[in-house]
Amino acid sequence: MEPQVLLLDEPMAGMNVEEKQDMSRFILDVNDEFGTTIVLIEHDMGVVMDISDRVVVLDYGKKIGDGTPDAVRSNEDVIRAYLGAGH
C-alpha cells in the first residue's frame, strides 16, 4: 500500500527518549522517501516542534494556533494552554 496520507495517533505514547528519537527518524524518513503527508496527533510538544512543518493546536476542540513550529511556539494562546508561562 502507498497511502497519500498517514494518520498517526499518539505514536510516541509510553516510549522513552531513545525510542521517541527512533520513531521521529522513521516518521521523517517515510515523509522524505515516499512524499507521504503525515498527520500526527501527539502531546509531546518537543517531538511535535522538532519534526513538523506545520502545527495546528486545539484546546478543547477550538483551534488556537496554526503555522510553523516557531510561529506556534510564540503564540500566546498556545503558551498559556500547553507550554506554560515560563516559555
N, C-alpha and C. Protein backbone atom coordinates (compact mmCIF):
# COMPACT_ATOMS: atom_id res chain seq x y z
N MET A 1 0.84 -1.18 0.00
CA MET A 1 0.00 0.00 0.00
C MET A 1 0.88 1.24 0.00
N GLU A 2 0.44 2.24 -0.70
CA GLU A 2 1.17 3.51 -0.75
C GLU A 2 0.18 4.64 -0.46
N PRO A 3 -0.14 4.82 0.82
CA PRO A 3 -1.13 5.85 1.16
C PRO A 3 -0.60 7.25 0.87
N GLN A 4 -1.52 8.15 0.52
CA GLN A 4 -1.15 9.55 0.33
C GLN A 4 -1.09 10.28 1.66
N VAL A 5 -1.92 9.83 2.62
CA VAL A 5 -1.97 10.44 3.94
C VAL A 5 -1.85 9.33 4.98
N LEU A 6 -1.03 9.57 5.98
CA LEU A 6 -0.85 8.63 7.08
C LEU A 6 -1.22 9.34 8.38
N LEU A 7 -2.20 8.81 9.09
CA LEU A 7 -2.65 9.39 10.35
C LEU A 7 -2.03 8.60 11.50
N LEU A 8 -1.26 9.30 12.33
CA LEU A 8 -0.62 8.68 13.49
C LEU A 8 -1.19 9.31 14.76
N ASP A 9 -1.81 8.49 15.59
CA ASP A 9 -2.44 8.96 16.81
C ASP A 9 -1.59 8.53 18.00
N GLU A 10 -0.88 9.48 18.59
CA GLU A 10 -0.03 9.26 19.76
C GLU A 10 1.00 8.12 19.55
N PRO A 11 1.76 8.16 18.46
CA PRO A 11 2.71 7.07 18.23
C PRO A 11 3.85 7.01 19.25
N MET A 12 4.07 8.08 20.00
CA MET A 12 5.17 8.11 20.96
C MET A 12 4.73 7.76 22.39
N ALA A 13 3.45 7.46 22.57
CA ALA A 13 2.92 7.19 23.91
C ALA A 13 3.67 6.03 24.56
N GLY A 14 4.14 6.25 25.76
CA GLY A 14 4.81 5.21 26.53
C GLY A 14 6.25 4.94 26.14
N MET A 15 6.79 5.72 25.22
CA MET A 15 8.17 5.49 24.77
C MET A 15 9.17 6.30 25.59
N ASN A 16 10.38 5.74 25.72
CA ASN A 16 11.45 6.50 26.35
C ASN A 16 12.08 7.43 25.31
N VAL A 17 13.05 8.23 25.73
CA VAL A 17 13.64 9.23 24.85
C VAL A 17 14.27 8.60 23.61
N GLU A 18 15.00 7.52 23.78
CA GLU A 18 15.66 6.88 22.63
C GLU A 18 14.64 6.33 21.64
N GLU A 19 13.58 5.73 22.16
CA GLU A 19 12.53 5.20 21.28
C GLU A 19 11.82 6.33 20.53
N LYS A 20 11.61 7.46 21.21
CA LYS A 20 10.98 8.61 20.56
C LYS A 20 11.88 9.14 19.45
N GLN A 21 13.18 9.17 19.66
CA GLN A 21 14.10 9.62 18.63
C GLN A 21 14.05 8.69 17.43
N ASP A 22 14.03 7.39 17.67
CA ASP A 22 13.95 6.41 16.58
C ASP A 22 12.65 6.56 15.80
N MET A 23 11.54 6.72 16.51
CA MET A 23 10.24 6.88 15.84
C MET A 23 10.20 8.18 15.05
N SER A 24 10.78 9.25 15.59
CA SER A 24 10.82 10.53 14.87
C SER A 24 11.59 10.39 13.57
N ARG A 25 12.73 9.71 13.63
CA ARG A 25 13.52 9.48 12.41
C ARG A 25 12.73 8.66 11.40
N PHE A 26 12.02 7.65 11.87
CA PHE A 26 11.21 6.81 10.99
C PHE A 26 10.12 7.65 10.30
N ILE A 27 9.44 8.48 11.06
CA ILE A 27 8.38 9.33 10.50
C ILE A 27 8.95 10.27 9.45
N LEU A 28 10.07 10.90 9.75
CA LEU A 28 10.70 11.80 8.78
C LEU A 28 11.17 11.06 7.54
N ASP A 29 11.69 9.86 7.72
CA ASP A 29 12.15 9.05 6.58
C ASP A 29 10.99 8.67 5.67
N VAL A 30 9.85 8.29 6.25
CA VAL A 30 8.68 7.94 5.44
C VAL A 30 8.24 9.15 4.62
N ASN A 31 8.22 10.31 5.25
CA ASN A 31 7.83 11.52 4.54
C ASN A 31 8.81 11.83 3.42
N ASP A 32 10.10 11.75 3.69
CA ASP A 32 11.11 12.04 2.68
C ASP A 32 11.10 11.04 1.54
N GLU A 33 11.05 9.76 1.87
CA GLU A 33 11.18 8.72 0.84
C GLU A 33 9.94 8.58 -0.04
N PHE A 34 8.77 8.68 0.57
CA PHE A 34 7.54 8.41 -0.19
C PHE A 34 6.71 9.66 -0.45
N GLY A 35 7.07 10.78 0.15
CA GLY A 35 6.29 12.01 -0.03
C GLY A 35 4.93 11.94 0.63
N THR A 36 4.79 11.06 1.60
CA THR A 36 3.52 10.86 2.28
C THR A 36 3.23 12.02 3.22
N THR A 37 2.03 12.55 3.13
CA THR A 37 1.58 13.56 4.09
C THR A 37 1.28 12.83 5.39
N ILE A 38 1.82 13.33 6.50
CA ILE A 38 1.63 12.68 7.78
C ILE A 38 0.90 13.63 8.72
N VAL A 39 -0.23 13.16 9.24
CA VAL A 39 -0.97 13.90 10.26
C VAL A 39 -0.64 13.22 11.58
N LEU A 40 -0.02 13.98 12.47
CA LEU A 40 0.47 13.44 13.73
C LEU A 40 -0.29 14.07 14.88
N ILE A 41 -0.96 13.24 15.66
CA ILE A 41 -1.60 13.70 16.89
C ILE A 41 -0.68 13.27 18.01
N GLU A 42 -0.13 14.25 18.72
CA GLU A 42 0.90 13.94 19.72
C GLU A 42 0.89 15.00 20.80
N HIS A 43 1.05 14.58 22.06
CA HIS A 43 1.09 15.52 23.17
C HIS A 43 2.51 15.87 23.60
N ASP A 44 3.50 15.20 23.06
CA ASP A 44 4.90 15.55 23.37
C ASP A 44 5.27 16.74 22.48
N MET A 45 5.17 17.94 23.06
CA MET A 45 5.38 19.16 22.28
C MET A 45 6.79 19.25 21.71
N GLY A 46 7.78 18.70 22.39
CA GLY A 46 9.14 18.69 21.86
C GLY A 46 9.22 17.93 20.56
N VAL A 47 8.62 16.77 20.52
CA VAL A 47 8.59 15.95 19.31
C VAL A 47 7.84 16.69 18.20
N VAL A 48 6.68 17.23 18.55
CA VAL A 48 5.86 17.93 17.56
C VAL A 48 6.65 19.07 16.93
N MET A 49 7.27 19.88 17.76
CA MET A 49 8.00 21.05 17.26
C MET A 49 9.24 20.65 16.46
N ASP A 50 9.85 19.53 16.82
CA ASP A 50 11.08 19.10 16.14
C ASP A 50 10.83 18.52 14.75
N ILE A 51 9.72 17.83 14.55
CA ILE A 51 9.56 17.10 13.28
C ILE A 51 8.48 17.67 12.36
N SER A 52 7.77 18.69 12.79
CA SER A 52 6.64 19.18 11.99
C SER A 52 7.01 20.37 11.11
N ASP A 53 6.39 20.41 9.93
CA ASP A 53 6.48 21.58 9.05
C ASP A 53 5.40 22.58 9.42
N ARG A 54 4.25 22.05 9.82
CA ARG A 54 3.09 22.88 10.19
C ARG A 54 2.46 22.27 11.43
N VAL A 55 2.05 23.12 12.34
CA VAL A 55 1.44 22.68 13.59
C VAL A 55 0.07 23.35 13.73
N VAL A 56 -0.93 22.55 14.06
CA VAL A 56 -2.25 23.07 14.40
C VAL A 56 -2.51 22.66 15.84
N VAL A 57 -2.89 23.62 16.67
CA VAL A 57 -3.09 23.36 18.09
C VAL A 57 -4.56 23.56 18.43
N LEU A 58 -5.13 22.55 19.08
CA LEU A 58 -6.51 22.62 19.54
C LEU A 58 -6.53 22.69 21.06
N ASP A 59 -7.47 23.43 21.58
CA ASP A 59 -7.71 23.49 23.02
C ASP A 59 -9.20 23.30 23.23
N TYR A 60 -9.56 22.12 23.77
CA TYR A 60 -10.97 21.77 23.94
C TYR A 60 -11.75 21.90 22.63
N GLY A 61 -11.13 21.44 21.54
CA GLY A 61 -11.78 21.42 20.24
C GLY A 61 -11.74 22.72 19.46
N LYS A 62 -11.20 23.76 20.05
CA LYS A 62 -11.10 25.06 19.38
C LYS A 62 -9.67 25.26 18.89
N LYS A 63 -9.52 25.66 17.63
CA LYS A 63 -8.19 25.91 17.09
C LYS A 63 -7.64 27.20 17.68
N ILE A 64 -6.49 27.09 18.36
CA ILE A 64 -5.88 28.28 18.97
C ILE A 64 -4.53 28.62 18.35
N GLY A 65 -4.02 27.77 17.49
CA GLY A 65 -2.76 28.05 16.83
C GLY A 65 -2.64 27.28 15.53
N ASP A 66 -1.96 27.89 14.55
CA ASP A 66 -1.80 27.25 13.25
C ASP A 66 -0.64 27.94 12.55
N GLY A 67 0.38 27.17 12.17
CA GLY A 67 1.51 27.75 11.45
C GLY A 67 2.77 26.93 11.63
N THR A 68 3.89 27.57 11.38
CA THR A 68 5.18 26.90 11.55
C THR A 68 5.40 26.64 13.04
N PRO A 69 6.29 25.70 13.36
CA PRO A 69 6.58 25.47 14.78
C PRO A 69 7.00 26.74 15.51
N ASP A 70 7.83 27.57 14.88
CA ASP A 70 8.26 28.81 15.54
C ASP A 70 7.09 29.76 15.79
N ALA A 71 6.19 29.88 14.81
CA ALA A 71 5.03 30.75 14.98
C ALA A 71 4.13 30.25 16.09
N VAL A 72 3.89 28.95 16.12
CA VAL A 72 3.02 28.37 17.14
C VAL A 72 3.67 28.46 18.52
N ARG A 73 4.98 28.24 18.55
CA ARG A 73 5.72 28.30 19.82
C ARG A 73 5.60 29.68 20.46
N SER A 74 5.46 30.72 19.66
CA SER A 74 5.39 32.08 20.19
C SER A 74 3.96 32.60 20.32
N ASN A 75 2.97 31.78 19.99
CA ASN A 75 1.57 32.16 20.08
C ASN A 75 1.16 32.18 21.55
N GLU A 76 0.67 33.31 22.01
CA GLU A 76 0.32 33.49 23.43
C GLU A 76 -0.76 32.50 23.90
N ASP A 77 -1.74 32.21 23.06
CA ASP A 77 -2.80 31.26 23.44
C ASP A 77 -2.22 29.86 23.64
N VAL A 78 -1.31 29.46 22.76
CA VAL A 78 -0.68 28.15 22.86
C VAL A 78 0.20 28.09 24.10
N ILE A 79 0.94 29.14 24.35
CA ILE A 79 1.80 29.18 25.54
C ILE A 79 0.96 28.98 26.80
N ARG A 80 -0.12 29.72 26.90
CA ARG A 80 -0.99 29.59 28.09
C ARG A 80 -1.58 28.19 28.22
N ALA A 81 -2.03 27.62 27.10
CA ALA A 81 -2.72 26.34 27.15
C ALA A 81 -1.79 25.14 27.31
N TYR A 82 -0.61 25.18 26.68
CA TYR A 82 0.21 23.97 26.62
C TYR A 82 1.65 24.11 27.08
N LEU A 83 2.27 25.21 26.81
CA LEU A 83 3.70 25.31 27.05
C LEU A 83 4.03 25.87 28.43
N GLY A 84 3.12 26.61 29.02
CA GLY A 84 3.37 27.20 30.32
C GLY A 84 3.97 28.58 30.20
N ALA A 85 3.75 29.39 31.20
CA ALA A 85 4.17 30.78 31.18
C ALA A 85 5.68 30.95 31.13
N GLY A 86 6.45 29.95 31.56
CA GLY A 86 7.91 30.06 31.59
C GLY A 86 8.56 30.01 30.23
N HIS A 87 7.82 29.66 29.19
CA HIS A 87 8.39 29.57 27.85
C HIS A 87 8.28 30.92 27.22
